[in-house]
PDB file of N, CA and C in Angstrom:
ATOM      1  N   MET A   1       0.917  -1.537   0.057  1.00  0.00           N
ATOM      2  CA  MET A   1      -0.048  -0.027   0.180  1.00  0.00           C
ATOM      3  C   MET A   1       0.847   1.243  -0.476  1.00  0.00           C
ATOM      4  N   PHE A   2       0.533   2.309  -0.860  1.00  0.00           N
ATOM      5  CA  PHE A   2       1.186   3.645  -0.926  1.00  0.00           C
ATOM      6  C   PHE A   2       0.570   4.698   0.035  1.00  0.00           C
ATOM      7  N   CYS A   3       1.004   5.727   0.641  1.00  0.00           N
ATOM      8  CA  CYS A   3       0.366   6.897   0.985  1.00  0.00           C
ATOM      9  C   CYS A   3       0.336   7.589  -0.557  1.00  0.00           C
ATOM     10  N   GLU A   4      -1.190   7.895   0.451  1.00  0.00           N
ATOM     11  CA  GLU A   4      -1.930   8.639  -0.616  1.00  0.00           C
ATOM     12  C   GLU A   4      -1.230  10.534  -0.476  1.00  0.00           C
ATOM     13  N   ASN A   5      -0.892  10.733   0.616  1.00  0.00           N
ATOM     14  CA  ASN A   5       0.072  12.194   0.426  1.00  0.00           C
ATOM     15  C   ASN A   5       0.958  12.257   0.022  1.00  0.00           C
ATOM     16  N   CYS A   6       1.573  11.281   0.404  1.00  0.00           N
ATOM     17  CA  CYS A   6       3.433  11.769  -0.265  1.00  0.00           C
ATOM     18  C   CYS A   6       3.520  10.662  -1.584  1.00  0.00           C
ATOM     19  N   GLY A   7       2.881   9.621  -1.073  1.00  0.00           N
ATOM     20  CA  GLY A   7       3.357   8.285  -2.086  1.00  0.00           C
ATOM     21  C   GLY A   7       4.194   7.139  -1.483  1.00  0.00           C
ATOM     22  N   ALA A   8       5.023   7.462  -0.432  1.00  0.00           N
ATOM     23  CA  ALA A   8       5.348   6.549   0.264  1.00  0.00           C
ATOM     24  C   ALA A   8       4.807   5.072   0.297  1.00  0.00           C
ATOM     25  N   LYS A   9       5.435   4.119   0.599  1.00  0.00           N
ATOM     26  CA  LYS A   9       5.603   2.467   0.730  1.00  0.00           C
ATOM     27  C   LYS A   9       5.201   2.580   2.207  1.00  0.00           C
ATOM     28  N   ILE A  10       3.778   1.956   2.575  1.00  0.00           N
ATOM     29  CA  ILE A  10       3.648   1.684   3.854  1.00  0.00           C
ATOM     30  C   ILE A  10       3.160   0.661   3.649  1.00  0.00           C
ATOM     31  N   PRO A  11       4.091  -0.083   5.141  1.00  0.00           N
ATOM     32  CA  PRO A  11       3.595  -1.585   5.631  1.00  0.00           C
ATOM     33  C   PRO A  11       2.115  -1.958   5.952  1.00  0.00           C
ATOM     34  N   GLU A  12       1.879  -2.869   5.456  1.00  0.00           N
ATOM     35  CA  GLU A  12       0.390  -3.914   5.989  1.00  0.00           C
ATOM     36  C   GLU A  12       0.453  -3.504   7.203  1.00  0.00           C
ATOM     37  N   GLY A  13      -0.437  -3.230   8.103  1.00  0.00           N
ATOM     38  CA  GLY A  13      -1.006  -3.117   9.798  1.00  0.00           C
ATOM     39  C   GLY A  13      -0.534  -2.047  10.062  1.00  0.00           C
ATOM     40  N   VAL A  14      -0.015  -1.132   9.475  1.00  0.00           N
ATOM     41  CA  VAL A  14       0.413   0.583   9.826  1.00  0.00           C
ATOM     42  C   VAL A  14      -0.526   1.217   9.687  1.00  0.00           C
ATOM     43  N   TYR A  15      -1.323   2.188  10.608  1.00  0.00           N
ATOM     44  CA  TYR A  15      -2.524   3.078   9.932  1.00  0.00           C
ATOM     45  C   TYR A  15      -1.602   4.656  10.251  1.00  0.00           C
ATOM     46  N   PHE A  16      -0.600   4.822  10.295  1.00  0.00           N
ATOM     47  CA  PHE A  16      -0.446   6.235   9.460  1.00  0.00           C
ATOM     48  C   PHE A  16       1.201   5.760   8.716  1.00  0.00           C
ATOM     49  N   CYS A  17       0.828   6.938   7.973  1.00  0.00           N
ATOM     50  CA  CYS A  17       2.671   7.051   7.191  1.00  0.00           C
ATOM     51  C   CYS A  17       3.477   7.356   8.059  1.00  0.00           C
ATOM     52  N   GLU A  18       5.054   6.336   7.601  1.00  0.00           N
ATOM     53  CA  GLU A  18       5.960   6.926   8.728  1.00  0.00           C
ATOM     54  C   GLU A  18       6.733   8.139   8.253  1.00  0.00           C
ATOM     55  N   ASN A  19       6.810   7.992   6.794  1.00  0.00           N
ATOM     56  CA  ASN A  19       7.397   9.590   5.891  1.00  0.00           C
ATOM     57  C   ASN A  19       6.435  10.898   6.405  1.00  0.00           C
ATOM     58  N   CYS A  20       5.188  11.031   6.304  1.00  0.00           N
ATOM     59  CA  CYS A  20       4.435  11.995   6.550  1.00  0.00           C
ATOM     60  C   CYS A  20       3.586  12.162   7.759  1.00  0.00           C
ATOM     61  N   GLY A  21       3.495  11.134   8.415  1.00  0.00           N
ATOM     62  CA  GLY A  21       2.271  11.491   9.491  1.00  0.00           C
ATOM     63  C   GLY A  21       0.731  11.383   9.009  1.00  0.00           C
ATOM     64  N   ALA A  22       0.693  11.387   7.767  1.00  0.00           N
ATOM     65  CA  ALA A  22      -0.932  11.035   7.256  1.00  0.00           C
ATOM     66  C   ALA A  22      -2.066   9.650   7.628  1.00  0.00           C
ATOM     67  N   LYS A  23      -3.086   9.558   7.640  1.00  0.00           N
ATOM     68  CA  LYS A  23      -3.650   8.296   8.136  1.00  0.00           C
ATOM     69  C   LYS A  23      -3.772   7.398   7.120  1.00  0.00           C
ATOM     70  N   ALA A  24      -3.368   6.379   7.069  1.00  0.00           N
ATOM     71  CA  ALA A  24      -2.968   5.355   6.423  1.00  0.00           C
ATOM     72  C   ALA A  24      -3.545   3.925   6.012  1.00  0.00           C
ATOM     73  N   GLU A  25      -5.432   4.471   6.423  1.00  0.00           N
ATOM     74  CA  GLU A  25      -6.004   3.064   6.328  1.00  0.00           C
ATOM     75  C   GLU A  25      -6.302   2.653   4.945  1.00  0.00           C
ATOM     76  N   GLU A  26      -6.508   0.911   4.866  1.00  0.00           N
ATOM     77  CA  GLU A  26      -6.927   0.587   3.994  1.00  0.00           C
ATOM     78  C   GLU A  26      -8.188   1.589   3.499  1.00  0.00           C
ATOM     79  N   THR A  27      -8.107   1.829   1.744  1.00  0.00           N
ATOM     80  CA  THR A  27      -9.060   2.353   1.418  1.00  0.00           C
ATOM     81  C   THR A  27      -9.407   2.193  -0.401  1.00  0.00           C
ATOM     82  N   GLN A  28      -9.255   0.766  -0.259  1.00  0.00           N
ATOM     83  CA  GLN A  28      -9.387   0.865  -1.699  1.00  0.00           C
ATOM     84  C   GLN A  28     -10.428   0.409  -2.222  1.00  0.00           C
ATOM     85  N   ASN A  29     -11.447   0.354  -1.988  1.00  0.00           N
ATOM     86  CA  ASN A  29     -12.528   0.311  -2.364  1.00  0.00           C
ATOM     87  C   ASN A  29     -13.484   1.588  -2.065  1.00  0.00           C
ATOM     88  N   THR A  30     -13.214   2.592  -1.404  1.00  0.00           N
ATOM     89  CA  THR A  30     -13.565   3.319  -1.254  1.00  0.00           C
ATOM     90  C   THR A  30     -12.801   4.481  -1.771  1.00  0.00           C
ATOM     91  N   SER A  31     -14.187   5.459  -2.150  1.00  0.00           N
ATOM     92  CA  SER A  31     -13.353   7.018  -3.161  1.00  0.00           C
ATOM     93  C   SER A  31     -13.046   8.156  -1.767  1.00  0.00           C
ATOM     94  N   PRO A  32     -12.099   9.180  -2.109  1.00  0.00           N
ATOM     95  CA  PRO A  32     -11.676   9.816  -1.218  1.00  0.00           C
ATOM     96  C   PRO A  32     -12.916  10.896  -0.486  1.00  0.00           C
ATOM     97  N   GLU A  33     -13.920  11.296  -1.276  1.00  0.00           N
ATOM     98  CA  GLU A  33     -14.723  12.136  -0.503  1.00  0.00           C
ATOM     99  C   GLU A  33     -15.790  10.419   0.221  1.00  0.00           C
ATOM    100  N   GLU A  34     -15.968   9.663   0.141  1.00  0.00           N
ATOM    101  CA  GLU A  34     -16.768   8.757   0.953  1.00  0.00           C
ATOM    102  C   GLU A  34     -15.386   8.665   2.584  1.00  0.00           C
ATOM    103  N   TYR A  35     -14.378   8.356   2.131  1.00  0.00           N
ATOM    104  CA  TYR A  35     -13.182   7.947   2.952  1.00  0.00           C
ATOM    105  C   TYR A  35     -13.418   9.053   3.916  1.00  0.00           C
ATOM    106  N   TYR A  36     -13.293  10.625   3.780  1.00  0.00           N
ATOM    107  CA  TYR A  36     -12.946  11.534   4.442  1.00  0.00           C
ATOM    108  C   TYR A  36     -14.931  11.578   5.404  1.00  0.00           C
ATOM    109  N   LYS A  37     -15.699  11.758   4.394  1.00  0.00           N
ATOM    110  CA  LYS A  37     -16.624  11.563   5.435  1.00  0.00           C
ATOM    111  C   LYS A  37     -17.018   9.608   6.267  1.00  0.00           C
ATOM    112  N   ALA A  38     -16.898   9.739   6.542  1.00  0.00           N
ATOM    113  CA  ALA A  38     -16.628   8.725   7.239  1.00  0.00           C
ATOM    114  C   ALA A  38     -15.697   8.708   7.982  1.00  0.00           C
ATOM    115  N   ASP A  39     -14.661   9.396   8.198  1.00  0.00           N
ATOM    116  CA  ASP A  39     -14.142   9.662   9.256  1.00  0.00           C
ATOM    117  C   ASP A  39     -13.826  11.062   9.642  1.00  0.00           C
ATOM    118  N   PRO A  40     -14.737  11.718  10.396  1.00  0.00           N
ATOM    119  CA  PRO A  40     -14.561  13.409  10.473  1.00  0.00           C
ATOM    120  C   PRO A  40     -13.609  13.941  11.252  1.00  0.00           C
ATOM    121  N   ASP A  41     -12.979  12.955  12.064  1.00  0.00           N
ATOM    122  CA  ASP A  41     -11.509  13.786  13.103  1.00  0.00           C
ATOM    123  C   ASP A  41     -10.169  13.517  12.392  1.00  0.00           C
ATOM    124  N   TYR A  42     -10.810  13.233  10.790  1.00  0.00           N
ATOM    125  CA  TYR A  42      -9.172  13.282  10.193  1.00  0.00           C
ATOM    126  C   TYR A  42      -9.123  15.122   9.608  1.00  0.00           C
ATOM    127  N   THR A  43      -7.897  15.034   9.909  1.00  0.00           N
ATOM    128  CA  THR A  43      -7.229  16.223   9.514  1.00  0.00           C
ATOM    129  C   THR A  43      -6.072  16.152   8.420  1.00  0.00           C
ATOM    130  N   GLU A  44      -6.074  16.717   7.605  1.00  0.00           N
ATOM    131  CA  GLU A  44      -4.910  16.992   6.448  1.00  0.00           C
ATOM    132  C   GLU A  44      -3.783  17.459   6.985  1.00  0.00           C
ATOM    133  N   PRO A  45      -2.546  16.402   6.752  1.00  0.00           N
ATOM    134  CA  PRO A  45      -1.367  16.992   7.732  1.00  0.00           C
ATOM    135  C   PRO A  45      -1.195  18.463   6.529  1.00  0.00           C
ATOM    136  N   LEU A  46      -0.620  19.509   7.499  1.00  0.00           N
ATOM    137  CA  LEU A  46      -0.106  20.558   6.953  1.00  0.00           C
ATOM    138  C   LEU A  46       1.348  20.847   6.138  1.00  0.00           C
ATOM    139  N   ASN A  47       2.177  20.817   5.505  1.00  0.00           N
ATOM    140  CA  ASN A  47       3.334  21.297   4.848  1.00  0.00           C
ATOM    141  C   ASN A  47       3.964  22.695   4.939  1.00  0.00           C
ATOM    142  N   THR A  48       4.070  22.719   6.237  1.00  0.00           N
ATOM    143  CA  THR A  48       4.611  24.111   6.325  1.00  0.00           C
ATOM    144  C   THR A  48       6.061  24.363   6.495  1.00  0.00           C
ATOM    145  N   THR A  49       6.368  23.748   6.255  1.00  0.00           N
ATOM    146  CA  THR A  49       8.145  24.070   6.200  1.00  0.00           C
ATOM    147  C   THR A  49       8.602  24.113   5.186  1.00  0.00           C
ATOM    148  N   LYS A  50       8.031  23.577   4.145  1.00  0.00           N
ATOM    149  CA  LYS A  50       7.848  24.071   2.748  1.00  0.00           C
ATOM    150  C   LYS A  50       7.684  25.500   1.927  1.00  0.00           C
ATOM    151  N   TRP A  51       6.767  26.210   2.847  1.00  0.00           N
ATOM    152  CA  TRP A  51       6.295  27.646   3.012  1.00  0.00           C
ATOM    153  C   TRP A  51       7.208  28.447   3.471  1.00  0.00           C
ATOM    154  N   ILE A  52       7.706  27.685   4.732  1.00  0.00           N
ATOM    155  CA  ILE A  52       8.728  28.592   5.836  1.00  0.00           C
ATOM    156  C   ILE A  52      10.282  28.541   4.551  1.00  0.00           C
ATOM    157  N   ILE A  53      10.794  27.706   4.248  1.00  0.00           N
ATOM    158  CA  ILE A  53      11.840  27.669   2.899  1.00  0.00           C
ATOM    159  C   ILE A  53      11.961  28.680   1.887  1.00  0.00           C
ATOM    160  N   LEU A  54      10.344  28.190   0.859  1.00  0.00           N
ATOM    161  CA  LEU A  54      10.121  29.168  -0.313  1.00  0.00           C
ATOM    162  C   LEU A  54       9.850  30.992   0.619  1.00  0.00           C
ATOM    163  N   GLY A  55       9.545  31.316   1.838  1.00  0.00           N
ATOM    164  CA  GLY A  55       9.729  32.298   2.471  1.00  0.00           C
ATOM    165  C   GLY A  55      10.952  32.998   2.297  1.00  0.00           C
ATOM    166  N   VAL A  56      11.677  31.933   2.892  1.00  0.00           N
ATOM    167  CA  VAL A  56      12.987  32.379   3.229  1.00  0.00           C
ATOM    168  C   VAL A  56      13.809  33.073   1.899  1.00  0.00           C
ATOM    169  N   LEU A  57      13.845  32.043   1.017  1.00  0.00           N
ATOM    170  CA  LEU A  57      14.058  32.131  -0.548  1.00  0.00           C
ATOM    171  C   LEU A  57      13.689  33.370  -1.392  1.00  0.00           C
ATOM    172  N   SER A  58      12.397  33.397  -0.801  1.00  0.00           N
ATOM    173  CA  SER A  58      12.227  35.190  -1.684  1.00  0.00           C
ATOM    174  C   SER A  58      12.009  35.512  -0.956  1.00  0.00           C
ATOM    175  N   SER A  59      12.472  36.157   0.237  1.00  0.00           N
ATOM    176  CA  SER A  59      13.542  36.599   0.943  1.00  0.00           C
ATOM    177  C   SER A  59      14.503  37.293   0.613  1.00  0.00           C
ATOM    178  N   ILE A  60      15.497  36.210   0.585  1.00  0.00           N
ATOM    179  CA  ILE A  60      16.821  36.506  -0.134  1.00  0.00           C
ATOM    180  C   ILE A  60      16.845  37.166  -1.475  1.00  0.00           C
ATOM    181  N   PHE A  61      16.159  36.624  -2.824  1.00  0.00           N
ATOM    182  CA  PHE A  61      16.152  37.059  -4.051  1.00  0.00           C
ATOM    183  C   PHE A  61      15.563  37.671  -4.505  1.00  0.00           C
ATOM    184  N   CYS A  62      14.165  37.709  -4.172  1.00  0.00           N
ATOM    185  CA  CYS A  62      12.992  38.709  -4.442  1.00  0.00           C
ATOM    186  C   CYS A  62      12.576  40.303  -3.826  1.00  0.00           C
ATOM    187  N   CYS A  63      11.875  39.807  -2.930  1.00  0.00           N
ATOM    188  CA  CYS A  63      11.390  40.833  -1.923  1.00  0.00           C
ATOM    189  C   CYS A  63      11.372  40.386  -0.565  1.00  0.00           C
ATOM    190  N   MET A  64      12.147  41.216   0.190  1.00  0.00           N
ATOM    191  CA  MET A  64      11.954  41.141   1.615  1.00  0.00           C
ATOM    192  C   MET A  64      11.060  41.006   2.283  1.00  0.00           C
ATOM    193  N   LEU A  65      10.263  42.401   1.804  1.00  0.00           N
ATOM    194  CA  LEU A  65       9.260  42.129   3.333  1.00  0.00           C
ATOM    195  C   LEU A  65       8.042  41.095   2.413  1.00  0.00           C
ATOM    196  N   GLY A  66       7.517  40.425   1.702  1.00  0.00           N
ATOM    197  CA  GLY A  66       6.631  39.734   1.490  1.00  0.00           C
ATOM    198  C   GLY A  66       7.443  38.045   1.947  1.00  0.00           C
ATOM    199  N   GLY A  67       8.602  37.707   1.552  1.00  0.00           N
ATOM    200  CA  GLY A  67       9.456  36.868   2.118  1.00  0.00           C
ATOM    201  C   GLY A  67       9.425  36.897   4.201  1.00  0.00           C
ATOM    202  N   ILE A  68       9.208  37.619   4.091  1.00  0.00           N
ATOM    203  CA  ILE A  68       9.604  38.039   5.667  1.00  0.00           C
ATOM    204  C   ILE A  68       7.872  37.270   6.305  1.00  0.00           C
ATOM    205  N   ILE A  69       7.261  38.476   5.584  1.00  0.00           N
ATOM    206  CA  ILE A  69       5.670  38.015   5.856  1.00  0.00           C
ATOM    207  C   ILE A  69       5.229  36.487   5.683  1.00  0.00           C
ATOM    208  N   THR A  70       5.674  35.839   4.535  1.00  0.00           N
ATOM    209  CA  THR A  70       5.460  34.637   3.986  1.00  0.00           C
ATOM    210  C   THR A  70       5.978  33.576   5.475  1.00  0.00           C
ATOM    211  N   VAL A  71       7.361  33.652   5.675  1.00  0.00           N
ATOM    212  CA  VAL A  71       7.864  33.255   6.810  1.00  0.00           C
ATOM    213  C   VAL A  71       7.393  33.571   8.191  1.00  0.00           C
ATOM    214  N   VAL A  72       6.608  34.634   8.661  1.00  0.00           N
ATOM    215  CA  VAL A  72       6.205  34.798   9.915  1.00  0.00           C
ATOM    216  C   VAL A  72       4.667  33.830   9.844  1.00  0.00           C
ATOM    217  N   TYR A  73       3.529  33.822   8.805  1.00  0.00           N
ATOM    218  CA  TYR A  73       2.737  33.345   9.181  1.00  0.00           C
ATOM    219  C   TYR A  73       2.605  31.953   8.794  1.00  0.00           C
ATOM    220  N   ALA A  74       3.930  31.292   7.971  1.00  0.00           N
ATOM    221  CA  ALA A  74       4.298  30.270   7.931  1.00  0.00           C
ATOM    222  C   ALA A  74       4.404  29.465   9.397  1.00  0.00           C
ATOM    223  N   ALA A  75       5.688  29.793   9.943  1.00  0.00           N
ATOM    224  CA  ALA A  75       5.534  29.145  11.600  1.00  0.00           C
ATOM    225  C   ALA A  75       4.452  29.920  11.957  1.00  0.00           C
ATOM    226  N   LYS A  76       3.552  31.101  12.424  1.00  0.00           N
ATOM    227  CA  LYS A  76       2.456  30.727  12.961  1.00  0.00           C
ATOM    228  C   LYS A  76       1.945  29.528  12.890  1.00  0.00           C
ATOM    229  N   ALA A  77       1.821  29.163  11.784  1.00  0.00           N
ATOM    230  CA  ALA A  77       0.604  27.824  10.985  1.00  0.00           C
ATOM    231  C   ALA A  77       1.002  26.656  11.331  1.00  0.00           C
ATOM    232  N   ASN A  78       2.883  26.367  11.676  1.00  0.00           N
ATOM    233  CA  ASN A  78       3.107  25.254  12.615  1.00  0.00           C
ATOM    234  C   ASN A  78       3.041  25.253  13.845  1.00  0.00           C
ATOM    235  N   GLY A  79       2.960  26.489  14.360  1.00  0.00           N
ATOM    236  CA  GLY A  79       2.982  26.264  16.426  1.00  0.00           C
ATOM    237  C   GLY A  79       1.429  26.204  16.436  1.00  0.00           C
ATOM    238  N   ASN A  80       0.707  26.211  15.775  1.00  0.00           N
ATOM    239  CA  ASN A  80      -0.772  26.485  15.190  1.00  0.00           C
ATOM    240  C   ASN A  80      -1.022  24.475  15.577  1.00  0.00           C
ATOM    241  N   VAL A  81      -0.123  24.198  14.487  1.00  0.00           N
ATOM    242  CA  VAL A  81      -0.332  23.109  14.431  1.00  0.00           C
ATOM    243  C   VAL A  81      -0.001  21.973  15.794  1.00  0.00           C
ATOM    244  N   SER A  82       1.112  22.397  15.996  1.00  0.00           N
ATOM    245  CA  SER A  82       1.770  21.709  17.059  1.00  0.00           C
ATOM    246  C   SER A  82       1.289  22.152  18.256  1.00  0.00           C
ATOM    247  N   SER A  83      -0.107  23.084  18.771  1.00  0.00           N
ATOM    248  CA  SER A  83      -0.595  22.775  19.987  1.00  0.00           C
ATOM    249  C   SER A  83      -2.011  22.532  19.480  1.00  0.00           C
ATOM    250  N   GLY A  84      -2.594  21.384  18.183  1.00  0.00           N
ATOM    251  CA  GLY A  84      -3.424  21.407  17.843  1.00  0.00           C
ATOM    252  C   GLY A  84      -4.732  22.523  17.231  1.00  0.00           C
ATOM    253  N   ASP A  85      -4.215  23.538  17.081  1.00  0.00           N
ATOM    254  CA  ASP A  85      -5.326  24.326  16.831  1.00  0.00           C
ATOM    255  C   ASP A  85      -5.269  24.541  15.190  1.00  0.00           C
ATOM    256  N   ILE A  86      -5.754  23.244  14.218  1.00  0.00           N
ATOM    257  CA  ILE A  86      -6.120  23.262  13.153  1.00  0.00           C
ATOM    258  C   ILE A  86      -6.728  24.113  12.428  1.00  0.00           C
ATOM    259  N   GLU A  87      -7.996  24.373  12.838  1.00  0.00           N
ATOM    260  CA  GLU A  87      -8.577  25.651  12.041  1.00  0.00           C
ATOM    261  C   GLU A  87      -7.790  27.060  12.257  1.00  0.00           C
ATOM    262  N   THR A  88      -6.892  27.460  13.147  1.00  0.00           N
ATOM    263  CA  THR A  88      -6.160  28.704  12.727  1.00  0.00           C
ATOM    264  C   THR A  88      -5.031  28.818  12.072  1.00  0.00           C
ATOM    265  N   ALA A  89      -4.476  26.858  12.125  1.00  0.00           N
ATOM    266  CA  ALA A  89      -3.155  26.592  11.500  1.00  0.00           C
ATOM    267  C   ALA A  89      -3.408  27.050   9.907  1.00  0.00           C
ATOM    268  N   LYS A  90      -4.795  26.419  10.007  1.00  0.00           N
ATOM    269  CA  LYS A  90      -5.017  26.359   8.061  1.00  0.00           C
ATOM    270  C   LYS A  90      -5.354  27.904   7.290  1.00  0.00           C
ATOM    271  N   GLU A  91      -6.443  28.756   8.628  1.00  0.00           N
ATOM    272  CA  GLU A  91      -5.771  30.537   7.919  1.00  0.00           C
ATOM    273  C   GLU A  91      -4.556  30.945   7.446  1.00  0.00           C
ATOM    274  N   ASN A  92      -3.499  30.632   8.924  1.00  0.00           N
ATOM    275  CA  ASN A  92      -1.945  31.220   8.905  1.00  0.00           C
ATOM    276  C   ASN A  92      -1.622  31.099   7.484  1.00  0.00           C
ATOM    277  N   PHE A  93      -1.667  29.821   7.394  1.00  0.00           N
ATOM    278  CA  PHE A  93      -0.982  28.180   6.203  1.00  0.00           C
ATOM    279  C   PHE A  93      -1.776  29.643   4.905  1.00  0.00           C
ATOM    280  N   LYS A  94      -2.901  29.805   4.647  1.00  0.00           N
ATOM    281  CA  LYS A  94      -3.635  29.951   3.470  1.00  0.00           C
ATOM    282  C   LYS A  94      -3.065  31.757   3.157  1.00  0.00           C
ATOM    283  N   THR A  95      -2.839  32.285   4.415  1.00  0.00           N
ATOM    284  CA  THR A  95      -2.116  33.743   4.709  1.00  0.00           C
ATOM    285  C   THR A  95      -0.761  33.691   3.690  1.00  0.00           C
ATOM    286  N   ALA A  96      -0.056  32.790   4.632  1.00  0.00           N
ATOM    287  CA  ALA A  96       1.442  32.521   3.876  1.00  0.00           C
ATOM    288  C   ALA A  96       1.430  32.519   2.438  1.00  0.00           C
ATOM    289  N   LYS A  97       0.695  31.325   2.014  1.00  0.00           N
ATOM    290  CA  LYS A  97       0.867  30.931   0.495  1.00  0.00           C
ATOM    291  C   LYS A  97       0.180  31.884  -0.410  1.00  0.00           C
ATOM    292  N   GLN A  98      -0.833  32.950   0.224  1.00  0.00           N
ATOM    293  CA  GLN A  98      -0.770  34.438  -0.599  1.00  0.00           C
ATOM    294  C   GLN A  98       0.089  35.393  -0.583  1.00  0.00           C
ATOM    295  N   TRP A  99       0.811  35.277   0.504  1.00  0.00           N
ATOM    296  CA  TRP A  99       2.104  36.046   0.723  1.00  0.00           C
ATOM    297  C   TRP A  99       2.815  36.386  -0.183  1.00  0.00           C
ATOM    298  N   PHE A 100       3.210  34.323  -0.355  1.00  0.00           N
ATOM    299  CA  PHE A 100       4.281  33.999  -1.870  1.00  0.00           C
ATOM    300  C   PHE A 100       3.782  34.506  -2.644  1.00  0.00           C
ATOM    301  N   LEU A 101       2.635  34.159  -3.060  1.00  0.00           N
ATOM    302  CA  LEU A 101       1.949  34.011  -4.673  1.00  0.00           C
ATOM    303  C   LEU A 101       2.094  35.703  -4.728  1.00  0.00           C
ATOM    304  N   ALA A 102       1.813  36.828  -4.102  1.00  0.00           N
ATOM    305  CA  ALA A 102       1.428  37.992  -4.655  1.00  0.00           C
ATOM    306  C   ALA A 102       3.539  38.166  -4.265  1.00  0.00           C
ATOM    307  N   THR A 103       4.259  37.819  -3.734  1.00  0.00           N
ATOM    308  CA  THR A 103       5.805  38.172  -3.634  1.00  0.00           C
ATOM    309  C   THR A 103       6.063  37.840  -5.202  1.00  0.00           C
ATOM    310  N   MET A 104       5.559  36.444  -5.983  1.00  0.00           N
ATOM    311  CA  MET A 104       5.931  36.194  -6.736  1.00  0.00           C
ATOM    312  C   MET A 104       5.645  37.029  -8.235  1.00  0.00           C
ATOM    313  N   ILE A 105       4.361  37.726  -7.694  1.00  0.00           N
ATOM    314  CA  ILE A 105       3.670  38.357  -9.077  1.00  0.00           C
ATOM    315  C   ILE A 105       4.381  39.729  -9.164  1.00  0.00           C
ATOM    316  N   ILE A 106       4.606  40.088  -8.022  1.00  0.00           N
ATOM    317  CA  ILE A 106       5.741  41.181  -7.790  1.00  0.00           C
ATOM    318  C   ILE A 106       7.057  41.003  -8.640  1.00  0.00           C
ATOM    319  N   ALA A 107       7.713  40.038  -8.055  1.00  0.00           N
ATOM    320  CA  ALA A 107       8.456  39.514  -8.823  1.00  0.00           C
ATOM    321  C   ALA A 107       8.866  39.505 -10.512  1.00  0.00           C
ATOM    322  N   ALA A 108       8.045  39.159 -11.082  1.00  0.00           N
ATOM    323  CA  ALA A 108       7.584  38.854 -11.935  1.00  0.00           C
ATOM    324  C   ALA A 108       7.228  40.340 -13.013  1.00  0.00           C
ATOM    325  N   ILE A 109       6.712  41.036 -12.680  1.00  0.00           N
ATOM    326  CA  ILE A 109       6.450  42.350 -12.866  1.00  0.00           C
ATOM    327  C   ILE A 109       7.394  43.226 -13.458  1.00  0.00           C
ATOM    328  N   GLU A 110       8.339  43.163 -11.744  1.00  0.00           N
ATOM    329  CA  GLU A 110       9.701  43.739 -11.951  1.00  0.00           C
ATOM    330  C   GLU A 110      10.686  43.155 -12.891  1.00  0.00           C
ATOM    331  N   LEU A 111      10.772  41.910 -12.968  1.00  0.00           N
ATOM    332  CA  LEU A 111      11.436  41.444 -14.015  1.00  0.00           C
ATOM    333  C   LEU A 111      11.172  41.775 -15.515  1.00  0.00           C
ATOM    334  N   VAL A 112       9.987  42.026 -15.717  1.00  0.00           N
ATOM    335  CA  VAL A 112       9.492  42.624 -16.895  1.00  0.00           C
ATOM    336  C   VAL A 112       9.703  43.681 -17.381  1.00  0.00           C
ATOM    337  N   PHE A 113       9.147  44.630 -16.185  1.00  0.00           N
ATOM    338  CA  PHE A 113       9.925  46.127 -16.653  1.00  0.00           C
ATOM    339  C   PHE A 113      11.187  46.612 -16.573  1.00  0.00           C
ATOM    340  N   GLY A 114      12.038  45.609 -15.839  1.00  0.00           N
ATOM    341  CA  GLY A 114      13.505  45.835 -15.817  1.00  0.00           C
ATOM    342  C   GLY A 114      13.869  45.332 -17.360  1.00  0.00           C
ATOM    343  N   LEU A 115      13.340  44.498 -17.895  1.00  0.00           N
ATOM    344  CA  LEU A 115      13.372  43.669 -18.791  1.00  0.00           C
ATOM    345  C   LEU A 115      13.249  45.178 -20.349  1.00  0.00           C
ATOM    346  N   LEU A 116      12.122  45.379 -19.718  1.00  0.00           N
ATOM    347  CA  LEU A 116      11.560  46.567 -21.092  1.00  0.00           C
ATOM    348  C   LEU A 116      12.652  47.581 -21.025  1.00  0.00           C
ATOM    349  N   ILE A 117      13.381  47.913 -20.139  1.00  0.00           N
ATOM    350  CA  ILE A 117      13.943  49.253 -19.456  1.00  0.00           C
ATOM    351  C   ILE A 117      15.258  49.238 -19.976  1.00  0.00           C
ATOM    352  N   SER A 118      15.665  47.557 -19.719  1.00  0.00           N
ATOM    353  CA  SER A 118      17.030  47.203 -20.589  1.00  0.00           C
ATOM    354  C   SER A 118      16.967  47.660 -21.940  1.00  0.00           C
ATOM    355  N   LEU A 119      16.223  47.435 -22.962  1.00  0.00           N
ATOM    356  CA  LEU A 119      15.855  47.207 -24.001  1.00  0.00           C
ATOM    357  C   LEU A 119      15.655  48.375 -24.626  1.00  0.00           C
ATOM    358  N   ALA A 120      14.967  49.024 -24.219  1.00  0.00           N
ATOM    359  CA  ALA A 120      14.883  50.874 -24.426  1.00  0.00           C
ATOM    360  C   ALA A 120      15.640  51.512 -24.396  1.00  0.00           C
ATOM    361  N   GLY A 121      16.995  51.067 -23.533  1.00  0.00           N
ATOM    362  CA  GLY A 121      17.817  51.738 -23.057  1.00  0.00           C
ATOM    363  C   GLY A 121      18.882  51.558 -24.166  1.00  0.00           C
TER     364      GLY A 121
END
């Protein structure tokens, strides 16, 4: 059996993925919607580390303010997950992603204008 979240191989009889921690019950004959409806306590794991790293990289290579805000909200989401406050973690996680995307859009606009100015000059 393989983890539906990260794709790692899961040994038989194990209920959680050893790689990412996602719930790994046997669901071969069940659609994902039916599975999640059957287990209302299931919460999808949030991968905040990726957004912290992307925020740091965008701070270094692009827009410092947007990257710092991305890191702050991703770190808040990480803390919320650790304390068990999943709803607040999801809100902070969503905000971190929005700030990162806004930072990338600003970087793309800066790149286009920089190229146009260099071509015009």
